[in-house]
Amino acid sequence: MDIKKIMELLPHRYPFLLVDKVLKKDENSITAQKNVTINEPFFMGHFPSEPIMPGVLQIEALAQAGGILCYDYLDGIDASNAEIFFMSIDNAKFRKPVVPGDVLTLKVELTKKKGNIFRLRGLVLVDGIIVTEAEFMAMVRKK
C-alpha cells in the first residue's frame, strides 16, 4: 500500500503522518515502514547535538499502522465515515535509540476485538532488531 492509499485511510498529515508504506497486511497483522530522516521537525529540539526520535512518536507510528489494520473490521461502517482513536498504551518498552537514517519496520498484530474496541501488540524494528514494543487499544466510531 502506497502513501496515497494510506492518506485515504488516515486523517494524519505532515508532519504527523508516521507511516510511509505498508509492506504486508493480512487478516490479523500489518507490517509497515517509516523512514526516519534528519529533516523530521522534532530533531530540531530532540536533541540538537544528538538527534533521537522520541519514543512517543514511535508508539504513535505503531498506532497509525494499527489504525490501518482496524479498517478491515469496521462492522458495517464505511471507511470514509469512520474515525479510529487511540485509547491506551500498556507495557511500552524502549530498547534502543532511533536516529536519522533508520528505517523503522512497524509490526502490529490484532490480539483481541470486542465490538468497536481493538487490542493490538506492536513492535518497532530497525535492521531486524526490536527497538520499541507496546500493547495498545483503539476504538472505531462513526464520524
N, C-alpha and C. Protein backbone atom coordinates (compact mmCIF):
# COMPACT_ATOMS: atom_id res chain seq x y z
N MET A 1 0.86 -1.17 0.00
CA MET A 1 0.00 0.00 0.00
C MET A 1 0.90 1.23 0.00
N ASP A 2 0.65 2.14 -0.91
CA ASP A 2 1.50 3.33 -1.01
C ASP A 2 0.92 4.48 -0.18
N ILE A 3 1.64 5.59 -0.17
CA ILE A 3 1.29 6.74 0.67
C ILE A 3 -0.08 7.32 0.29
N LYS A 4 -0.45 7.27 -0.97
CA LYS A 4 -1.75 7.81 -1.39
C LYS A 4 -2.89 7.04 -0.73
N LYS A 5 -2.81 5.72 -0.73
CA LYS A 5 -3.84 4.90 -0.10
C LYS A 5 -3.83 5.09 1.42
N ILE A 6 -2.64 5.19 2.00
CA ILE A 6 -2.53 5.43 3.45
C ILE A 6 -3.23 6.74 3.81
N MET A 7 -3.03 7.77 2.99
CA MET A 7 -3.65 9.07 3.27
C MET A 7 -5.16 9.05 3.05
N GLU A 8 -5.66 8.11 2.27
CA GLU A 8 -7.11 7.96 2.15
C GLU A 8 -7.70 7.39 3.44
N LEU A 9 -6.93 6.55 4.14
CA LEU A 9 -7.41 5.91 5.35
C LEU A 9 -7.16 6.74 6.61
N LEU A 10 -5.96 7.27 6.74
CA LEU A 10 -5.60 8.01 7.96
C LEU A 10 -5.83 9.50 7.78
N PRO A 11 -6.31 10.18 8.82
CA PRO A 11 -6.51 11.63 8.73
C PRO A 11 -5.21 12.42 8.94
N HIS A 12 -4.15 11.78 9.39
CA HIS A 12 -2.90 12.46 9.70
C HIS A 12 -2.24 13.02 8.45
N ARG A 13 -1.54 14.12 8.61
CA ARG A 13 -0.77 14.73 7.52
C ARG A 13 0.57 15.19 8.09
N TYR A 14 1.49 15.52 7.17
CA TYR A 14 2.80 16.01 7.58
C TYR A 14 2.61 17.18 8.54
N PRO A 15 3.36 17.22 9.62
CA PRO A 15 4.48 16.36 9.98
C PRO A 15 4.09 15.19 10.88
N PHE A 16 2.80 14.88 10.99
CA PHE A 16 2.38 13.86 11.94
C PHE A 16 1.98 12.53 11.30
N LEU A 17 2.02 12.42 9.99
CA LEU A 17 1.79 11.13 9.34
C LEU A 17 3.09 10.33 9.45
N LEU A 18 3.05 9.23 10.19
CA LEU A 18 4.27 8.50 10.52
C LEU A 18 4.35 7.10 9.91
N VAL A 19 3.54 6.85 8.88
CA VAL A 19 3.62 5.60 8.12
C VAL A 19 3.85 5.98 6.67
N ASP A 20 4.95 5.51 6.09
CA ASP A 20 5.28 5.83 4.71
C ASP A 20 4.78 4.78 3.71
N LYS A 21 4.72 3.52 4.17
CA LYS A 21 4.36 2.44 3.24
C LYS A 21 3.88 1.25 4.05
N VAL A 22 2.91 0.53 3.50
CA VAL A 22 2.51 -0.75 4.08
C VAL A 22 3.16 -1.84 3.23
N LEU A 23 3.96 -2.67 3.88
CA LEU A 23 4.68 -3.73 3.18
C LEU A 23 3.85 -5.00 3.06
N LYS A 24 3.06 -5.29 4.09
CA LYS A 24 2.27 -6.53 4.12
C LYS A 24 1.10 -6.34 5.08
N LYS A 25 -0.04 -6.88 4.69
CA LYS A 25 -1.21 -6.84 5.56
C LYS A 25 -1.99 -8.11 5.34
N ASP A 26 -2.33 -8.78 6.43
CA ASP A 26 -3.21 -9.94 6.33
C ASP A 26 -4.33 -9.78 7.34
N GLU A 27 -5.03 -10.84 7.61
CA GLU A 27 -6.23 -10.77 8.43
C GLU A 27 -5.99 -10.17 9.82
N ASN A 28 -4.89 -10.53 10.47
CA ASN A 28 -4.66 -10.10 11.85
C ASN A 28 -3.38 -9.32 12.08
N SER A 29 -2.68 -8.95 11.02
CA SER A 29 -1.43 -8.23 11.24
C SER A 29 -1.10 -7.31 10.06
N ILE A 30 -0.21 -6.38 10.35
CA ILE A 30 0.26 -5.44 9.34
C ILE A 30 1.74 -5.19 9.58
N THR A 31 2.47 -5.04 8.49
CA THR A 31 3.87 -4.63 8.54
C THR A 31 3.99 -3.39 7.69
N ALA A 32 4.45 -2.31 8.32
CA ALA A 32 4.56 -1.02 7.64
C ALA A 32 5.97 -0.47 7.83
N GLN A 33 6.21 0.67 7.18
CA GLN A 33 7.55 1.25 7.20
C GLN A 33 7.48 2.75 7.44
N LYS A 34 8.45 3.25 8.21
CA LYS A 34 8.65 4.69 8.41
C LYS A 34 10.12 4.97 8.20
N ASN A 35 10.43 5.85 7.25
CA ASN A 35 11.81 6.25 7.01
C ASN A 35 12.11 7.48 7.86
N VAL A 36 13.12 7.38 8.70
CA VAL A 36 13.47 8.47 9.61
C VAL A 36 14.59 9.29 8.97
N THR A 37 14.33 10.60 8.77
CA THR A 37 15.34 11.46 8.17
C THR A 37 15.67 12.62 9.10
N ILE A 38 16.81 13.23 8.89
CA ILE A 38 17.23 14.37 9.71
C ILE A 38 16.29 15.56 9.52
N ASN A 39 15.49 15.55 8.44
CA ASN A 39 14.56 16.64 8.18
C ASN A 39 13.32 16.61 9.06
N GLU A 40 13.13 15.57 9.88
CA GLU A 40 11.97 15.49 10.76
C GLU A 40 11.99 16.71 11.70
N PRO A 41 10.86 17.40 11.85
CA PRO A 41 10.85 18.62 12.65
C PRO A 41 11.20 18.41 14.12
N PHE A 42 10.95 17.24 14.68
CA PHE A 42 11.24 17.02 16.10
C PHE A 42 12.73 16.97 16.39
N PHE A 43 13.56 16.71 15.38
CA PHE A 43 15.00 16.64 15.62
C PHE A 43 15.61 18.00 15.96
N MET A 44 14.94 19.09 15.62
CA MET A 44 15.46 20.42 15.97
C MET A 44 15.58 20.57 17.49
N GLY A 45 14.69 19.92 18.23
CA GLY A 45 14.73 20.07 19.68
C GLY A 45 14.95 18.79 20.44
N HIS A 46 15.07 17.65 19.75
CA HIS A 46 15.17 16.36 20.45
C HIS A 46 16.26 15.50 19.84
N PHE A 47 17.41 15.66 19.99
CA PHE A 47 18.17 16.71 20.65
C PHE A 47 19.12 17.27 19.63
N PRO A 48 19.34 18.58 19.58
CA PRO A 48 20.15 19.18 18.50
C PRO A 48 21.53 18.54 18.33
N SER A 49 22.20 18.22 19.43
CA SER A 49 23.55 17.65 19.31
C SER A 49 23.54 16.12 19.25
N GLU A 50 22.41 15.50 19.52
CA GLU A 50 22.27 14.04 19.49
C GLU A 50 20.84 13.69 19.08
N PRO A 51 20.53 13.79 17.77
CA PRO A 51 19.14 13.60 17.33
C PRO A 51 18.63 12.18 17.60
N ILE A 52 17.53 12.10 18.37
CA ILE A 52 16.89 10.83 18.71
C ILE A 52 15.39 10.99 18.50
N MET A 53 14.76 10.05 17.80
CA MET A 53 13.31 10.09 17.61
C MET A 53 12.62 9.81 18.93
N PRO A 54 11.72 10.69 19.36
CA PRO A 54 11.02 10.45 20.63
C PRO A 54 10.26 9.12 20.62
N GLY A 55 10.32 8.42 21.74
CA GLY A 55 9.63 7.15 21.87
C GLY A 55 8.13 7.27 21.67
N VAL A 56 7.55 8.38 22.13
CA VAL A 56 6.10 8.53 21.98
C VAL A 56 5.71 8.60 20.50
N LEU A 57 6.60 9.11 19.64
CA LEU A 57 6.31 9.14 18.21
C LEU A 57 6.46 7.76 17.59
N GLN A 58 7.33 6.94 18.13
CA GLN A 58 7.42 5.56 17.68
C GLN A 58 6.13 4.81 18.02
N ILE A 59 5.61 5.05 19.21
CA ILE A 59 4.33 4.45 19.61
C ILE A 59 3.20 4.97 18.71
N GLU A 60 3.22 6.26 18.40
CA GLU A 60 2.22 6.83 17.50
C GLU A 60 2.30 6.19 16.12
N ALA A 61 3.50 5.92 15.63
CA ALA A 61 3.65 5.24 14.34
C ALA A 61 3.01 3.85 14.39
N LEU A 62 3.22 3.14 15.50
CA LEU A 62 2.57 1.83 15.66
C LEU A 62 1.06 1.98 15.67
N ALA A 63 0.56 3.00 16.38
CA ALA A 63 -0.89 3.22 16.45
C ALA A 63 -1.47 3.53 15.08
N GLN A 64 -0.75 4.31 14.27
CA GLN A 64 -1.23 4.62 12.92
C GLN A 64 -1.27 3.36 12.07
N ALA A 65 -0.23 2.53 12.15
CA ALA A 65 -0.24 1.27 11.41
C ALA A 65 -1.38 0.39 11.89
N GLY A 66 -1.60 0.34 13.21
CA GLY A 66 -2.70 -0.42 13.76
C GLY A 66 -4.05 0.10 13.29
N GLY A 67 -4.15 1.42 13.15
CA GLY A 67 -5.38 2.01 12.64
C GLY A 67 -5.70 1.54 11.24
N ILE A 68 -4.68 1.44 10.41
CA ILE A 68 -4.87 0.94 9.04
C ILE A 68 -5.41 -0.49 9.09
N LEU A 69 -4.87 -1.31 9.99
CA LEU A 69 -5.33 -2.69 10.14
C LEU A 69 -6.79 -2.73 10.61
N CYS A 70 -7.15 -1.84 11.53
CA CYS A 70 -8.51 -1.84 12.10
C CYS A 70 -9.58 -1.52 11.05
N TYR A 71 -9.22 -0.82 9.99
CA TYR A 71 -10.21 -0.50 8.96
C TYR A 71 -10.80 -1.75 8.31
N ASP A 72 -10.14 -2.90 8.44
CA ASP A 72 -10.68 -4.15 7.90
C ASP A 72 -11.82 -4.72 8.74
N TYR A 73 -12.05 -4.14 9.91
CA TYR A 73 -13.01 -4.69 10.88
C TYR A 73 -14.06 -3.67 11.29
N LEU A 74 -14.60 -2.92 10.36
CA LEU A 74 -15.48 -1.82 10.71
C LEU A 74 -16.93 -2.22 10.97
N ASP A 75 -17.26 -3.47 10.80
CA ASP A 75 -18.61 -3.95 11.11
C ASP A 75 -19.70 -3.07 10.53
N GLY A 76 -19.65 -2.88 9.22
CA GLY A 76 -20.73 -2.15 8.55
C GLY A 76 -20.53 -0.65 8.45
N ILE A 77 -19.52 -0.09 9.12
CA ILE A 77 -19.25 1.35 9.00
C ILE A 77 -18.38 1.56 7.76
N ASP A 78 -18.80 2.45 6.87
CA ASP A 78 -18.00 2.77 5.70
C ASP A 78 -16.71 3.46 6.14
N ALA A 79 -15.57 3.07 5.58
CA ALA A 79 -14.27 3.63 5.98
C ALA A 79 -14.22 5.14 5.84
N SER A 80 -14.90 5.69 4.85
CA SER A 80 -14.88 7.15 4.68
C SER A 80 -15.71 7.85 5.76
N ASN A 81 -16.49 7.08 6.52
CA ASN A 81 -17.32 7.64 7.58
C ASN A 81 -16.89 7.12 8.96
N ALA A 82 -15.65 6.67 9.08
CA ALA A 82 -15.15 6.11 10.34
C ALA A 82 -13.96 6.90 10.86
N GLU A 83 -13.85 6.92 12.17
CA GLU A 83 -12.69 7.50 12.85
C GLU A 83 -12.15 6.46 13.80
N ILE A 84 -10.83 6.36 13.88
CA ILE A 84 -10.19 5.42 14.79
C ILE A 84 -9.38 6.23 15.79
N PHE A 85 -9.62 5.97 17.08
CA PHE A 85 -8.96 6.72 18.14
C PHE A 85 -8.11 5.80 19.00
N PHE A 86 -6.94 6.30 19.36
CA PHE A 86 -6.01 5.66 20.25
C PHE A 86 -6.59 5.75 21.66
N MET A 87 -6.63 4.64 22.40
CA MET A 87 -7.25 4.65 23.73
C MET A 87 -6.28 4.46 24.88
N SER A 88 -5.31 3.55 24.73
CA SER A 88 -4.41 3.29 25.85
C SER A 88 -3.11 2.67 25.35
N ILE A 89 -2.09 2.75 26.22
CA ILE A 89 -0.79 2.14 25.96
C ILE A 89 -0.43 1.33 27.20
N ASP A 90 0.03 0.11 27.01
CA ASP A 90 0.48 -0.73 28.12
C ASP A 90 1.81 -1.36 27.75
N ASN A 91 2.62 -1.60 28.76
CA ASN A 91 3.87 -2.36 28.62
C ASN A 91 4.79 -1.81 27.54
N ALA A 92 4.87 -0.49 27.43
CA ALA A 92 5.78 0.11 26.45
C ALA A 92 7.22 -0.04 26.93
N LYS A 93 8.08 -0.42 26.01
CA LYS A 93 9.50 -0.55 26.31
C LYS A 93 10.29 0.06 25.16
N PHE A 94 11.28 0.85 25.52
CA PHE A 94 12.16 1.49 24.54
C PHE A 94 13.55 0.91 24.76
N ARG A 95 14.01 0.14 23.79
CA ARG A 95 15.22 -0.65 23.97
C ARG A 95 16.48 -0.03 23.37
N LYS A 96 16.31 0.79 22.33
CA LYS A 96 17.47 1.35 21.64
C LYS A 96 17.05 2.65 20.97
N PRO A 97 17.90 3.68 20.95
CA PRO A 97 17.53 4.94 20.30
C PRO A 97 17.33 4.77 18.79
N VAL A 98 16.38 5.54 18.27
CA VAL A 98 16.14 5.62 16.82
C VAL A 98 16.72 6.95 16.36
N VAL A 99 17.54 6.89 15.31
CA VAL A 99 18.27 8.07 14.85
C VAL A 99 18.04 8.30 13.36
N PRO A 100 18.37 9.50 12.88
CA PRO A 100 18.22 9.75 11.44
C PRO A 100 18.94 8.70 10.61
N GLY A 101 18.27 8.27 9.54
CA GLY A 101 18.82 7.23 8.67
C GLY A 101 18.23 5.86 8.95
N ASP A 102 17.62 5.70 10.13
CA ASP A 102 17.00 4.42 10.44
C ASP A 102 15.73 4.23 9.62
N VAL A 103 15.46 3.00 9.26
CA VAL A 103 14.20 2.63 8.62
C VAL A 103 13.45 1.79 9.65
N LEU A 104 12.30 2.29 10.08
CA LEU A 104 11.50 1.59 11.08
C LEU A 104 10.59 0.58 10.38
N THR A 105 10.63 -0.64 10.84
CA THR A 105 9.65 -1.65 10.43
C THR A 105 8.66 -1.73 11.56
N LEU A 106 7.40 -1.43 11.24
CA LEU A 106 6.32 -1.39 12.23
C LEU A 106 5.50 -2.66 12.07
N LYS A 107 5.51 -3.51 13.09
CA LYS A 107 4.74 -4.76 13.03
C LYS A 107 3.66 -4.68 14.10
N VAL A 108 2.40 -4.78 13.65
CA VAL A 108 1.27 -4.69 14.57
C VAL A 108 0.38 -5.91 14.37
N GLU A 109 -0.01 -6.49 15.48
CA GLU A 109 -0.86 -7.68 15.46
C GLU A 109 -2.14 -7.39 16.25
N LEU A 110 -3.27 -7.74 15.69
CA LEU A 110 -4.55 -7.65 16.38
C LEU A 110 -4.64 -8.83 17.33
N THR A 111 -4.75 -8.56 18.64
CA THR A 111 -4.80 -9.65 19.61
C THR A 111 -6.21 -9.91 20.13
N LYS A 112 -7.08 -8.89 20.05
CA LYS A 112 -8.46 -9.07 20.51
C LYS A 112 -9.34 -7.98 19.94
N LYS A 113 -10.58 -8.33 19.62
CA LYS A 113 -11.57 -7.36 19.16
C LYS A 113 -12.86 -7.65 19.90
N LYS A 114 -13.43 -6.61 20.47
CA LYS A 114 -14.73 -6.73 21.13
C LYS A 114 -15.56 -5.51 20.73
N GLY A 115 -16.56 -5.75 19.90
CA GLY A 115 -17.37 -4.62 19.40
C GLY A 115 -16.50 -3.70 18.58
N ASN A 116 -16.46 -2.42 18.96
CA ASN A 116 -15.66 -1.44 18.24
C ASN A 116 -14.33 -1.14 18.94
N ILE A 117 -13.92 -2.01 19.86
CA ILE A 117 -12.67 -1.85 20.61
C ILE A 117 -11.66 -2.90 20.14
N PHE A 118 -10.43 -2.46 19.89
CA PHE A 118 -9.37 -3.32 19.40
C PHE A 118 -8.19 -3.31 20.37
N ARG A 119 -7.65 -4.49 20.67
CA ARG A 119 -6.41 -4.59 21.42
C ARG A 119 -5.34 -5.06 20.44
N LEU A 120 -4.20 -4.36 20.45
CA LEU A 120 -3.13 -4.63 19.49
C LEU A 120 -1.79 -4.73 20.22
N ARG A 121 -0.87 -5.42 19.58
CA ARG A 121 0.51 -5.51 20.07
C ARG A 121 1.42 -5.07 18.94
N GLY A 122 2.38 -4.20 19.26
CA GLY A 122 3.24 -3.68 18.22
C GLY A 122 4.72 -3.75 18.55
N LEU A 123 5.50 -3.90 17.50
CA LEU A 123 6.96 -3.89 17.59
C LEU A 123 7.50 -2.89 16.58
N VAL A 124 8.52 -2.13 16.98
CA VAL A 124 9.28 -1.31 16.05
C VAL A 124 10.65 -1.96 15.94
N LEU A 125 11.05 -2.26 14.71
CA LEU A 125 12.35 -2.88 14.48
C LEU A 125 13.20 -1.99 13.58
N VAL A 126 14.50 -2.00 13.82
CA VAL A 126 15.48 -1.36 12.94
C VAL A 126 16.51 -2.43 12.61
N ASP A 127 16.67 -2.71 11.33
CA ASP A 127 17.60 -3.76 10.89
C ASP A 127 17.32 -5.09 11.58
N GLY A 128 16.02 -5.39 11.78
CA GLY A 128 15.63 -6.66 12.38
C GLY A 128 15.73 -6.73 13.89
N ILE A 129 16.16 -5.65 14.53
CA ILE A 129 16.33 -5.63 15.99
C ILE A 129 15.18 -4.82 16.60
N ILE A 130 14.53 -5.38 17.63
CA ILE A 130 13.43 -4.67 18.29
C ILE A 130 13.99 -3.48 19.05
N VAL A 131 13.46 -2.29 18.73
CA VAL A 131 13.88 -1.07 19.43
C VAL A 131 12.77 -0.55 20.34
N THR A 132 11.52 -0.87 20.03
CA THR A 132 10.39 -0.41 20.82
C THR A 132 9.29 -1.46 20.73
N GLU A 133 8.55 -1.62 21.82
CA GLU A 133 7.39 -2.51 21.80
C GLU A 133 6.33 -1.96 22.73
N ALA A 134 5.07 -2.29 22.45
CA ALA A 134 3.97 -1.84 23.29
C ALA A 134 2.70 -2.61 22.94
N GLU A 135 1.79 -2.62 23.89
CA GLU A 135 0.43 -3.08 23.66
C GLU A 135 -0.43 -1.84 23.73
N PHE A 136 -1.47 -1.78 22.92
CA PHE A 136 -2.32 -0.59 22.93
C PHE A 136 -3.72 -0.94 22.48
N MET A 137 -4.62 0.01 22.72
CA MET A 137 -6.03 -0.19 22.36
C MET A 137 -6.48 0.97 21.48
N ALA A 138 -7.44 0.66 20.61
CA ALA A 138 -8.03 1.67 19.72
C ALA A 138 -9.53 1.44 19.66
N MET A 139 -10.25 2.49 19.28
CA MET A 139 -11.70 2.43 19.18
C MET A 139 -12.11 3.01 17.84
N VAL A 140 -13.11 2.40 17.20
CA VAL A 140 -13.66 2.91 15.94
C VAL A 140 -15.03 3.48 16.24
N ARG A 141 -15.33 4.63 15.62
CA ARG A 141 -16.68 5.18 15.71
C ARG A 141 -17.02 5.90 14.42
N LYS A 142 -18.30 6.11 14.19
CA LYS A 142 -18.75 6.87 13.03
C LYS A 142 -18.39 8.34 13.23
N LYS A 143 -18.06 9.01 12.13
CA LYS A 143 -17.77 10.45 12.18
C LYS A 143 -19.02 11.22 12.56
